[in-house]
Amino acid sequence: MNISPLAVVHPEAKLGENVTIDPFAVIEKDTVIGDNCHIFPHAVILDGARIGKNCRVFPGAVVAGVPQDLKFKGEITTAEIGDNTTIRECVTVNRGTASKGKTIVGNNCLIMAYSHIAHDCVVKDNVIIGNASQIAGEVEIDDYAIVSGGTLVHQFTRISKHVMIQGGSRIGKDIPPYTLVGRDPITYCGINIVGLRRRGFTNHQVFLIQDIYRTLYTRGLNNTDALRAIETEYEPSVERDLILDFIKSSKRGIVRGSIDEL
C-alpha cells in the first residue's frame, strides 16, 4: 500500500492490497476499501463506506456522509460502491437510513464532478451521472442509464435500463426502459437508438422497442388500454416484458409523450 504520511487513516479501517491514499485524504474507522483503489487528496471516506476494487475517489469527494434526511436518527447504515467505479471531484454519496439501510452505487459507474447521490438510492451497474446532477433520496437508476449534467431527480423516482436523459432535465416521473427523454417539462422524445446499437441490440430488437412505444404514446390510448394492446399485439420478449413490468409497477406514473417528436 502507498499511504501518504499526511493522510489521516484510522488504524481499524480495512484496506485491500495496493491501495493508494494521497496526502490530506481522510479514512475513518468503519470503512472498507478494496484492492487497487486510489483515494486522491482531500477525499473523505466516512464511517459506513464500503468501496469495491479498482475504484478512484477524486479530490473533495465525500463517501458515506450522514443522510440529509430529518428521519435519520443516527442508525448504523452504509454507502456501498461497486468495483471499477469512479467518483469524481466533490461528489457526495450519502449513506442509507432505516428505510433501506444502505445507499448503493454499482460496478463500472462514472459519477461526475459535483453530483450528489442521496440516502437509500440504488444506482446499478454501468451508469453515468453527469456533472452537477442531484439525485434525491430513494431513487433507483437501472443498468446503462445515462443521466446528463445538471439533472434534478425527485425522491422515489425510477429510471430504467438503457435510458438517456438530456442535461438540465427535471425528473419527477418514472422513465421507462430504452427511452430518450428531454425538454422542459420533461417528455418522451423517442428511444435511445445510439445507446442500444452500441450495446449490441439487433435491428429486430430496436424496431420492436420503437413500435411498442408508438403504441404507448401515439395511438391515443390511455395507459391501461395501451398496456392491454401491447400485451395482446406483441409476442412475449425480454424487451416487451421489461417495458410492461416497469410501467405496471410505476407508482409515480411515467413521463408523458411528445407527439411531435414521434
C-alpha atoms as a PDB file:
ATOM      1  CA  MET A   1       0.000   0.000   0.000  1.00  0.00           C
ATOM      2  CA  ASN A   2       1.076   3.553  -0.719  1.00  0.00           C
ATOM      3  CA  ILE A   3      -0.309   5.672   2.111  1.00  0.00           C
ATOM      4  CA  SER A   4       0.943   9.219   2.466  1.00  0.00           C
ATOM      5  CA  PRO A   5       2.081  10.145   5.983  1.00  0.00           C
ATOM      6  CA  LEU A   6      -0.025  13.280   5.520  1.00  0.00           C
ATOM      7  CA  ALA A   7      -3.228  11.262   5.150  1.00  0.00           C
ATOM      8  CA  VAL A   8      -5.455  10.550   8.166  1.00  0.00           C
ATOM      9  CA  VAL A   9      -6.238   6.823   8.191  1.00  0.00           C
ATOM     10  CA  HIS A  10      -7.892   5.142  11.163  1.00  0.00           C
ATOM     11  CA  PRO A  11      -5.908   2.064  12.206  1.00  0.00           C
ATOM     12  CA  GLU A  12      -9.050  -0.110  12.104  1.00  0.00           C
ATOM     13  CA  ALA A  13     -10.013   0.832   8.557  1.00  0.00           C
ATOM     14  CA  LYS A  14      -9.948  -2.248   6.312  1.00  0.00           C
ATOM     15  CA  LEU A  15      -7.753  -1.616   3.283  1.00  0.00           C
ATOM     16  CA  GLY A  16      -7.117  -4.069   0.447  1.00  0.00           C
ATOM     17  CA  GLU A  17      -3.892  -4.635  -1.426  1.00  0.00           C
ATOM     18  CA  ASN A  18      -2.171  -1.950  -3.485  1.00  0.00           C
ATOM     19  CA  VAL A  19      -4.346   0.878  -2.170  1.00  0.00           C
ATOM     20  CA  THR A  20      -3.037   4.414  -2.737  1.00  0.00           C
ATOM     21  CA  ILE A  21      -4.076   7.139  -0.304  1.00  0.00           C
ATOM     22  CA  ASP A  22      -2.826  10.618  -1.142  1.00  0.00           C
ATOM     23  CA  PRO A  23      -1.973  13.497   1.229  1.00  0.00           C
ATOM     24  CA  PHE A  24      -4.787  15.026   3.259  1.00  0.00           C
ATOM     25  CA  ALA A  25      -7.289  12.265   2.489  1.00  0.00           C
ATOM     26  CA  VAL A  26      -9.328  11.115   5.498  1.00  0.00           C
ATOM     27  CA  ILE A  27     -10.313   7.475   6.071  1.00  0.00           C
ATOM     28  CA  GLU A  28     -12.496   6.810   9.121  1.00  0.00           C
ATOM     29  CA  LYS A  29     -12.801   3.677  11.279  1.00  0.00           C
ATOM     30  CA  ASP A  30     -15.771   1.716   9.917  1.00  0.00           C
ATOM     31  CA  THR A  31     -14.656   1.663   6.307  1.00  0.00           C
ATOM     32  CA  VAL A  32     -13.680  -0.957   3.744  1.00  0.00           C
ATOM     33  CA  ILE A  33     -11.620  -0.078   0.658  1.00  0.00           C
ATOM     34  CA  GLY A  34     -10.901  -2.810  -1.899  1.00  0.00           C
ATOM     35  CA  ASP A  35      -7.757  -3.720  -3.794  1.00  0.00           C
ATOM     36  CA  ASN A  36      -6.116  -1.290  -6.208  1.00  0.00           C
ATOM     37  CA  CYS A  37      -8.170   1.724  -5.188  1.00  0.00           C
ATOM     38  CA  HIS A  38      -6.838   5.269  -5.358  1.00  0.00           C
ATOM     39  CA  ILE A  39      -8.083   7.836  -2.852  1.00  0.00           C
ATOM     40  CA  PHE A  40      -6.995  11.276  -4.040  1.00  0.00           C
ATOM     41  CA  PRO A  41      -6.020  14.299  -1.883  1.00  0.00           C
ATOM     42  CA  HIS A  42      -8.769  15.760   0.307  1.00  0.00           C
ATOM     43  CA  ALA A  43     -11.204  12.930  -0.401  1.00  0.00           C
ATOM     44  CA  VAL A  44     -13.119  11.892   2.726  1.00  0.00           C
ATOM     45  CA  ILE A  45     -14.218   8.295   3.336  1.00  0.00           C
ATOM     46  CA  LEU A  46     -16.527   8.278   6.359  1.00  0.00           C
ATOM     47  CA  ASP A  47     -17.868   5.546   8.648  1.00  0.00           C
ATOM     48  CA  GLY A  48     -20.125   3.179   6.723  1.00  0.00           C
ATOM     49  CA  ALA A  49     -18.277   3.367   3.401  1.00  0.00           C
ATOM     50  CA  ARG A  50     -17.822   0.088   1.532  1.00  0.00           C
ATOM     51  CA  ILE A  51     -15.742   0.607  -1.590  1.00  0.00           C
ATOM     52  CA  GLY A  52     -15.012  -2.202  -4.058  1.00  0.00           C
ATOM     53  CA  LYS A  53     -11.908  -2.932  -6.109  1.00  0.00           C
ATOM     54  CA  ASN A  54     -10.225  -0.695  -8.677  1.00  0.00           C
ATOM     55  CA  CYS A  55     -12.133   2.433  -7.681  1.00  0.00           C
ATOM     56  CA  ARG A  56     -10.939   6.029  -7.808  1.00  0.00           C
ATOM     57  CA  VAL A  57     -12.228   8.702  -5.453  1.00  0.00           C
ATOM     58  CA  PHE A  58     -11.115  12.154  -6.605  1.00  0.00           C
ATOM     59  CA  PRO A  59     -10.291  15.263  -4.542  1.00  0.00           C
ATOM     60  CA  GLY A  60     -13.066  16.731  -2.431  1.00  0.00           C
ATOM     61  CA  ALA A  61     -15.416  13.762  -2.771  1.00  0.00           C
ATOM     62  CA  VAL A  62     -17.219  12.511   0.353  1.00  0.00           C
ATOM     63  CA  VAL A  63     -18.423   8.914   0.575  1.00  0.00           C
ATOM     64  CA  ALA A  64     -20.850   7.843   3.340  1.00  0.00           C
ATOM     65  CA  GLY A  65     -21.820  11.243   4.655  1.00  0.00           C
ATOM     66  CA  VAL A  66     -24.701  11.361   7.129  1.00  0.00           C
ATOM     67  CA  PRO A  67     -28.057  11.477   5.282  1.00  0.00           C
ATOM     68  CA  GLN A  68     -29.733  14.834   4.749  1.00  0.00           C
ATOM     69  CA  ASP A  69     -32.999  13.366   5.999  1.00  0.00           C
ATOM     70  CA  LEU A  70     -34.767  14.540   9.135  1.00  0.00           C
ATOM     71  CA  LYS A  71     -35.955  10.986   9.796  1.00  0.00           C
ATOM     72  CA  PHE A  72     -32.369   9.844  10.253  1.00  0.00           C
ATOM     73  CA  LYS A  73     -31.683   9.127  13.931  1.00  0.00           C
ATOM     74  CA  GLY A  74     -28.073   8.010  13.811  1.00  0.00           C
ATOM     75  CA  GLU A  75     -28.704   4.376  12.892  1.00  0.00           C
ATOM     76  CA  ILE A  76     -25.774   2.323  11.569  1.00  0.00           C
ATOM     77  CA  THR A  77     -26.022   2.260   7.776  1.00  0.00           C
ATOM     78  CA  THR A  78     -23.709   2.048   4.770  1.00  0.00           C
ATOM     79  CA  ALA A  79     -22.826   3.571   1.414  1.00  0.00           C
ATOM     80  CA  GLU A  80     -21.652   0.802  -0.912  1.00  0.00           C
ATOM     81  CA  ILE A  81     -19.624   1.422  -4.072  1.00  0.00           C
ATOM     82  CA  GLY A  82     -19.045  -1.415  -6.545  1.00  0.00           C
ATOM     83  CA  ASP A  83     -15.898  -2.389  -8.437  1.00  0.00           C
ATOM     84  CA  ASN A  84     -14.289  -0.240 -11.149  1.00  0.00           C
ATOM     85  CA  THR A  85     -16.317   2.835 -10.283  1.00  0.00           C
ATOM     86  CA  THR A  86     -15.014   6.388 -10.478  1.00  0.00           C
ATOM     87  CA  ILE A  87     -16.172   9.101  -8.072  1.00  0.00           C
ATOM     88  CA  ARG A  88     -15.056  12.470  -9.430  1.00  0.00           C
ATOM     89  CA  GLU A  89     -14.294  15.773  -7.707  1.00  0.00           C
ATOM     90  CA  CYS A  90     -16.644  16.961  -4.938  1.00  0.00           C
ATOM     91  CA  VAL A  91     -19.185  14.175  -5.427  1.00  0.00           C
ATOM     92  CA  THR A  92     -21.200  13.315  -2.314  1.00  0.00           C
ATOM     93  CA  VAL A  93     -22.678   9.860  -1.721  1.00  0.00           C
ATOM     94  CA  ASN A  94     -24.694   9.715   1.494  1.00  0.00           C
ATOM     95  CA  ARG A  95     -25.244   6.515   3.422  1.00  0.00           C
ATOM     96  CA  GLY A  96     -28.663   4.974   3.958  1.00  0.00           C
ATOM     97  CA  THR A  97     -31.325   5.406   6.594  1.00  0.00           C
ATOM     98  CA  ALA A  98     -33.565   2.922   8.389  1.00  0.00           C
ATOM     99  CA  SER A  99     -35.683   2.863   5.222  1.00  0.00           C
ATOM    100  CA  LYS A 100     -33.278   0.615   3.269  1.00  0.00           C
ATOM    101  CA  GLY A 101     -30.149   0.644   5.399  1.00  0.00           C
ATOM    102  CA  LYS A 102     -27.779   1.405   2.552  1.00  0.00           C
ATOM    103  CA  THR A 103     -27.076   3.511  -0.490  1.00  0.00           C
ATOM    104  CA  ILE A 104     -25.732   1.546  -3.444  1.00  0.00           C
ATOM    105  CA  VAL A 105     -23.640   2.578  -6.448  1.00  0.00           C
ATOM    106  CA  GLY A 106     -22.872  -0.395  -8.673  1.00  0.00           C
ATOM    107  CA  ASN A 107     -19.965  -1.619 -10.761  1.00  0.00           C
ATOM    108  CA  ASN A 108     -18.355   0.276 -13.633  1.00  0.00           C
ATOM    109  CA  CYS A 109     -20.130   3.541 -12.868  1.00  0.00           C
ATOM    110  CA  LEU A 110     -18.907   7.067 -13.542  1.00  0.00           C
ATOM    111  CA  ILE A 111     -20.204   9.690 -11.120  1.00  0.00           C
ATOM    112  CA  MET A 112     -19.033  13.038 -12.466  1.00  0.00           C
ATOM    113  CA  ALA A 113     -17.964  16.105 -10.519  1.00  0.00           C
ATOM    114  CA  TYR A 114     -20.263  17.895  -8.060  1.00  0.00           C
ATOM    115  CA  SER A 115     -23.005  15.277  -8.292  1.00  0.00           C
ATOM    116  CA  HIS A 116     -24.983  14.193  -5.243  1.00  0.00           C
ATOM    117  CA  ILE A 117     -26.444  10.757  -4.544  1.00  0.00           C
ATOM    118  CA  ALA A 118     -28.750  10.876  -1.544  1.00  0.00           C
ATOM    119  CA  HIS A 119     -29.708   8.315   1.088  1.00  0.00           C
ATOM    120  CA  ASP A 120     -31.040   4.885   0.108  1.00  0.00           C
ATOM    121  CA  CYS A 121     -30.553   5.360  -3.633  1.00  0.00           C
ATOM    122  CA  VAL A 122     -29.834   2.315  -5.775  1.00  0.00           C
ATOM    123  CA  VAL A 123     -27.637   3.088  -8.774  1.00  0.00           C
ATOM    124  CA  LYS A 124     -26.958  -0.122 -10.667  1.00  0.00           C
ATOM    125  CA  ASP A 125     -24.107  -1.118 -13.000  1.00  0.00           C
ATOM    126  CA  ASN A 126     -22.586   0.848 -15.894  1.00  0.00           C
ATOM    127  CA  VAL A 127     -24.449   4.047 -15.031  1.00  0.00           C
ATOM    128  CA  ILE A 128     -23.104   7.505 -15.922  1.00  0.00           C
ATOM    129  CA  ILE A 129     -24.239  10.501 -13.884  1.00  0.00           C
ATOM    130  CA  GLY A 130     -23.190  13.813 -15.411  1.00  0.00           C
ATOM    131  CA  ASN A 131     -21.624  16.819 -13.712  1.00  0.00           C
ATOM    132  CA  ALA A 132     -23.671  18.557 -11.009  1.00  0.00           C
ATOM    133  CA  SER A 133     -26.645  16.196 -11.227  1.00  0.00           C
ATOM    134  CA  GLN A 134     -28.606  15.920  -7.997  1.00  0.00           C
ATOM    135  CA  ILE A 135     -30.199  12.568  -7.166  1.00  0.00           C
ATOM    136  CA  ALA A 136     -32.672  12.755  -4.281  1.00  0.00           C
ATOM    137  CA  GLY A 137     -33.419  10.049  -1.701  1.00  0.00           C
ATOM    138  CA  GLU A 138     -34.544   6.518  -2.603  1.00  0.00           C
ATOM    139  CA  VAL A 139     -34.179   6.994  -6.348  1.00  0.00           C
ATOM    140  CA  GLU A 140     -33.497   3.870  -8.435  1.00  0.00           C
ATOM    141  CA  ILE A 141     -31.355   4.069 -11.583  1.00  0.00           C
ATOM    142  CA  ASP A 142     -31.014   0.862 -13.578  1.00  0.00           C
ATOM    143  CA  ASP A 143     -28.168  -0.530 -15.701  1.00  0.00           C
ATOM    144  CA  TYR A 144     -26.621   1.530 -18.513  1.00  0.00           C
ATOM    145  CA  ALA A 145     -28.681   4.635 -17.810  1.00  0.00           C
ATOM    146  CA  ILE A 146     -27.053   7.984 -18.642  1.00  0.00           C
ATOM    147  CA  VAL A 147     -28.145  10.994 -16.602  1.00  0.00           C
ATOM    148  CA  SER A 148     -26.643  14.037 -18.308  1.00  0.00           C
ATOM    149  CA  GLY A 149     -25.237  17.026 -16.467  1.00  0.00           C
ATOM    150  CA  GLY A 150     -27.307  19.281 -14.268  1.00  0.00           C
ATOM    151  CA  THR A 151     -30.244  16.906 -13.980  1.00  0.00           C
ATOM    152  CA  LEU A 152     -32.524  17.045 -10.918  1.00  0.00           C
ATOM    153  CA  VAL A 153     -34.203  13.778  -9.904  1.00  0.00           C
ATOM    154  CA  HIS A 154     -37.096  13.816  -7.423  1.00  0.00           C
ATOM    155  CA  GLN A 155     -37.367  11.439  -4.474  1.00  0.00           C
ATOM    156  CA  PHE A 156     -38.577   7.871  -5.156  1.00  0.00           C
ATOM    157  CA  THR A 157     -38.316   8.267  -8.930  1.00  0.00           C
ATOM    158  CA  ARG A 158     -37.203   5.270 -11.010  1.00  0.00           C
ATOM    159  CA  ILE A 159     -35.051   5.463 -14.139  1.00  0.00           C
ATOM    160  CA  SER A 160     -34.963   2.208 -16.071  1.00  0.00           C
ATOM    161  CA  LYS A 161     -32.315   0.493 -18.212  1.00  0.00           C
ATOM    162  CA  HIS A 162     -30.637   1.989 -21.273  1.00  0.00           C
ATOM    163  CA  VAL A 163     -32.202   5.426 -20.747  1.00  0.00           C
ATOM    164  CA  MET A 164     -30.617   8.666 -21.948  1.00  0.00           C
ATOM    165  CA  ILE A 165     -31.659  11.858 -20.134  1.00  0.00           C
ATOM    166  CA  GLN A 166     -30.963  15.306 -21.546  1.00  0.00           C
ATOM    167  CA  GLY A 167     -28.821  17.642 -19.461  1.00  0.00           C
ATOM    168  CA  GLY A 168     -30.643  20.100 -17.246  1.00  0.00           C
ATOM    169  CA  SER A 169     -33.764  17.947 -17.023  1.00  0.00           C
ATOM    170  CA  ARG A 170     -36.105  17.863 -14.035  1.00  0.00           C
ATOM    171  CA  ILE A 171     -37.287  14.307 -13.414  1.00  0.00           C
ATOM    172  CA  GLY A 172     -40.479  13.874 -11.410  1.00  0.00           C
ATOM    173  CA  LYS A 173     -41.949  10.842 -13.174  1.00  0.00           C
ATOM    174  CA  ASP A 174     -40.594   7.356 -13.811  1.00  0.00           C
ATOM    175  CA  ILE A 175     -38.573   6.927 -17.025  1.00  0.00           C
ATOM    176  CA  PRO A 176     -39.345   3.664 -18.892  1.00  0.00           C
ATOM    177  CA  PRO A 177     -36.567   1.489 -20.383  1.00  0.00           C
ATOM    178  CA  TYR A 178     -34.768   2.225 -23.658  1.00  0.00           C
ATOM    179  CA  THR A 179     -36.052   5.798 -23.902  1.00  0.00           C
ATOM    180  CA  LEU A 180     -34.607   9.193 -24.727  1.00  0.00           C
ATOM    181  CA  VAL A 181     -36.139  11.995 -22.658  1.00  0.00           C
ATOM    182  CA  GLY A 182     -35.640  15.731 -22.526  1.00  0.00           C
ATOM    183  CA  ARG A 183     -37.243  19.174 -22.948  1.00  0.00           C
ATOM    184  CA  ASP A 184     -38.908  21.238 -20.235  1.00  0.00           C
ATOM    185  CA  PRO A 185     -41.199  19.957 -18.916  1.00  0.00           C
ATOM    186  CA  ILE A 186     -39.653  16.530 -19.382  1.00  0.00           C
ATOM    187  CA  THR A 187     -41.147  14.417 -22.183  1.00  0.00           C
ATOM    188  CA  TYR A 188     -40.517  11.213 -24.103  1.00  0.00           C
ATOM    189  CA  CYS A 189     -38.525  12.081 -27.247  1.00  0.00           C
ATOM    190  CA  GLY A 190     -38.005   8.641 -28.787  1.00  0.00           C
ATOM    191  CA  ILE A 191     -35.881   5.619 -27.997  1.00  0.00           C
ATOM    192  CA  ASN A 192     -32.174   5.639 -27.222  1.00  0.00           C
ATOM    193  CA  ILE A 193     -31.156   4.172 -30.592  1.00  0.00           C
ATOM    194  CA  VAL A 194     -27.478   5.158 -30.384  1.00  0.00           C
ATOM    195  CA  GLY A 195     -27.081   3.624 -26.923  1.00  0.00           C
ATOM    196  CA  LEU A 196     -28.915   0.447 -27.914  1.00  0.00           C
ATOM    197  CA  ARG A 197     -26.782  -0.095 -31.009  1.00  0.00           C
ATOM    198  CA  ARG A 198     -23.595   0.496 -29.018  1.00  0.00           C
ATOM    199  CA  ARG A 199     -24.689  -2.269 -26.663  1.00  0.00           C
ATOM    200  CA  GLY A 200     -25.373  -4.791 -29.416  1.00  0.00           C
ATOM    201  CA  PHE A 201     -29.135  -4.609 -29.825  1.00  0.00           C
ATOM    202  CA  THR A 202     -30.214  -6.035 -33.191  1.00  0.00           C
ATOM    203  CA  ASN A 203     -32.367  -4.243 -35.753  1.00  0.00           C
ATOM    204  CA  HIS A 204     -35.251  -6.516 -34.779  1.00  0.00           C
ATOM    205  CA  GLN A 205     -34.957  -5.544 -31.107  1.00  0.00           C
ATOM    206  CA  VAL A 206     -34.687  -1.827 -31.911  1.00  0.00           C
ATOM    207  CA  PHE A 207     -37.704  -1.887 -34.246  1.00  0.00           C
ATOM    208  CA  LEU A 208     -39.739  -3.838 -31.694  1.00  0.00           C
ATOM    209  CA  ILE A 209     -38.971  -1.342 -28.906  1.00  0.00           C
ATOM    210  CA  GLN A 210     -39.781   1.569 -31.212  1.00  0.00           C
ATOM    211  CA  ASP A 211     -43.088   0.017 -32.259  1.00  0.00           C
ATOM    212  CA  ILE A 212     -44.121  -0.689 -28.669  1.00  0.00           C
ATOM    213  CA  TYR A 213     -43.561   2.953 -27.720  1.00  0.00           C
ATOM    214  CA  ARG A 214     -45.587   4.098 -30.732  1.00  0.00           C
ATOM    215  CA  THR A 215     -48.445   2.037 -29.328  1.00  0.00           C
ATOM    216  CA  LEU A 216     -47.958   3.581 -25.908  1.00  0.00           C
ATOM    217  CA  TYR A 217     -47.579   7.211 -26.947  1.00  0.00           C
ATOM    218  CA  THR A 218     -49.119   7.846 -30.389  1.00  0.00           C
ATOM    219  CA  ARG A 219     -52.309   5.794 -30.752  1.00  0.00           C
ATOM    220  CA  GLY A 220     -54.388   7.984 -28.487  1.00  0.00           C
ATOM    221  CA  LEU A 221     -54.823   5.264 -25.870  1.00  0.00           C
ATOM    222  CA  ASN A 222     -54.728   5.787 -22.132  1.00  0.00           C
ATOM    223  CA  ASN A 223     -52.052   3.809 -20.309  1.00  0.00           C
ATOM    224  CA  THR A 224     -54.389   0.985 -19.321  1.00  0.00           C
ATOM    225  CA  ASP A 225     -55.588   0.420 -22.874  1.00  0.00           C
ATOM    226  CA  ALA A 226     -52.087   0.847 -24.283  1.00  0.00           C
ATOM    227  CA  LEU A 227     -50.707  -1.801 -21.947  1.00  0.00           C
ATOM    228  CA  ARG A 228     -53.520  -4.150 -22.905  1.00  0.00           C
ATOM    229  CA  ALA A 229     -52.762  -3.577 -26.591  1.00  0.00           C
ATOM    230  CA  ILE A 230     -49.041  -4.210 -26.073  1.00  0.00           C
ATOM    231  CA  GLU A 231     -49.762  -7.467 -24.249  1.00  0.00           C
ATOM    232  CA  THR A 232     -52.077  -8.761 -26.962  1.00  0.00           C
ATOM    233  CA  GLU A 233     -50.358  -7.474 -30.113  1.00  0.00           C
ATOM    234  CA  TYR A 234     -46.721  -8.336 -29.335  1.00  0.00           C
ATOM    235  CA  GLU A 235     -45.227 -11.719 -28.572  1.00  0.00           C
ATOM    236  CA  PRO A 236     -43.515 -12.097 -25.191  1.00  0.00           C
ATOM    237  CA  SER A 237     -39.879 -10.994 -25.270  1.00  0.00           C
ATOM    238  CA  VAL A 238     -37.300  -9.573 -22.891  1.00  0.00           C
ATOM    239  CA  GLU A 239     -37.861  -6.094 -24.290  1.00  0.00           C
ATOM    240  CA  ARG A 240     -41.663  -6.190 -24.270  1.00  0.00           C
ATOM    241  CA  ASP A 241     -41.845  -7.692 -20.807  1.00  0.00           C
ATOM    242  CA  LEU A 242     -39.380  -5.204 -19.309  1.00  0.00           C
ATOM    243  CA  ILE A 243     -41.430  -2.287 -20.637  1.00  0.00           C
ATOM    244  CA  LEU A 244     -44.721  -3.768 -19.429  1.00  0.00           C
ATOM    245  CA  ASP A 245     -43.419  -4.703 -15.990  1.00  0.00           C
ATOM    246  CA  PHE A 246     -41.836  -1.296 -15.454  1.00  0.00           C
ATOM    247  CA  ILE A 247     -44.950   0.663 -16.369  1.00  0.00           C
ATOM    248  CA  LYS A 248     -47.279  -1.596 -14.393  1.00  0.00           C
ATOM    249  CA  SER A 249     -45.144  -1.262 -11.274  1.00  0.00           C
ATOM    250  CA  SER A 250     -44.789   2.534 -11.514  1.00  0.00           C
ATOM    251  CA  LYS A 251     -46.198   4.362  -8.503  1.00  0.00           C
ATOM    252  CA  ARG A 252     -45.380   7.886  -9.679  1.00  0.00           C
ATOM    253  CA  GLY A 253     -46.545   7.393 -13.253  1.00  0.00           C
ATOM    254  CA  ILE A 254     -44.356   7.540 -16.341  1.00  0.00           C
ATOM    255  CA  VAL A 255     -43.067  10.504 -18.330  1.00  0.00           C
ATOM    256  CA  ARG A 256     -45.601  11.908 -20.794  1.00  0.00           C
ATOM    257  CA  GLY A 257     -45.258  11.663 -24.566  1.00  0.00           C
ATOM    258  CA  SER A 258     -44.406  14.375 -27.059  1.00  0.00           C
ATOM    259  CA  ILE A 259     -46.314  13.680 -30.273  1.00  0.00           C
ATOM    260  CA  ASP A 260     -44.257  15.996 -32.482  1.00  0.00           C
ATOM    261  CA  GLU A 261     -41.094  14.026 -31.720  1.00  0.00           C
ATOM    262  CA  LEU A 262     -42.527  10.704 -32.972  1.00  0.00           C
END
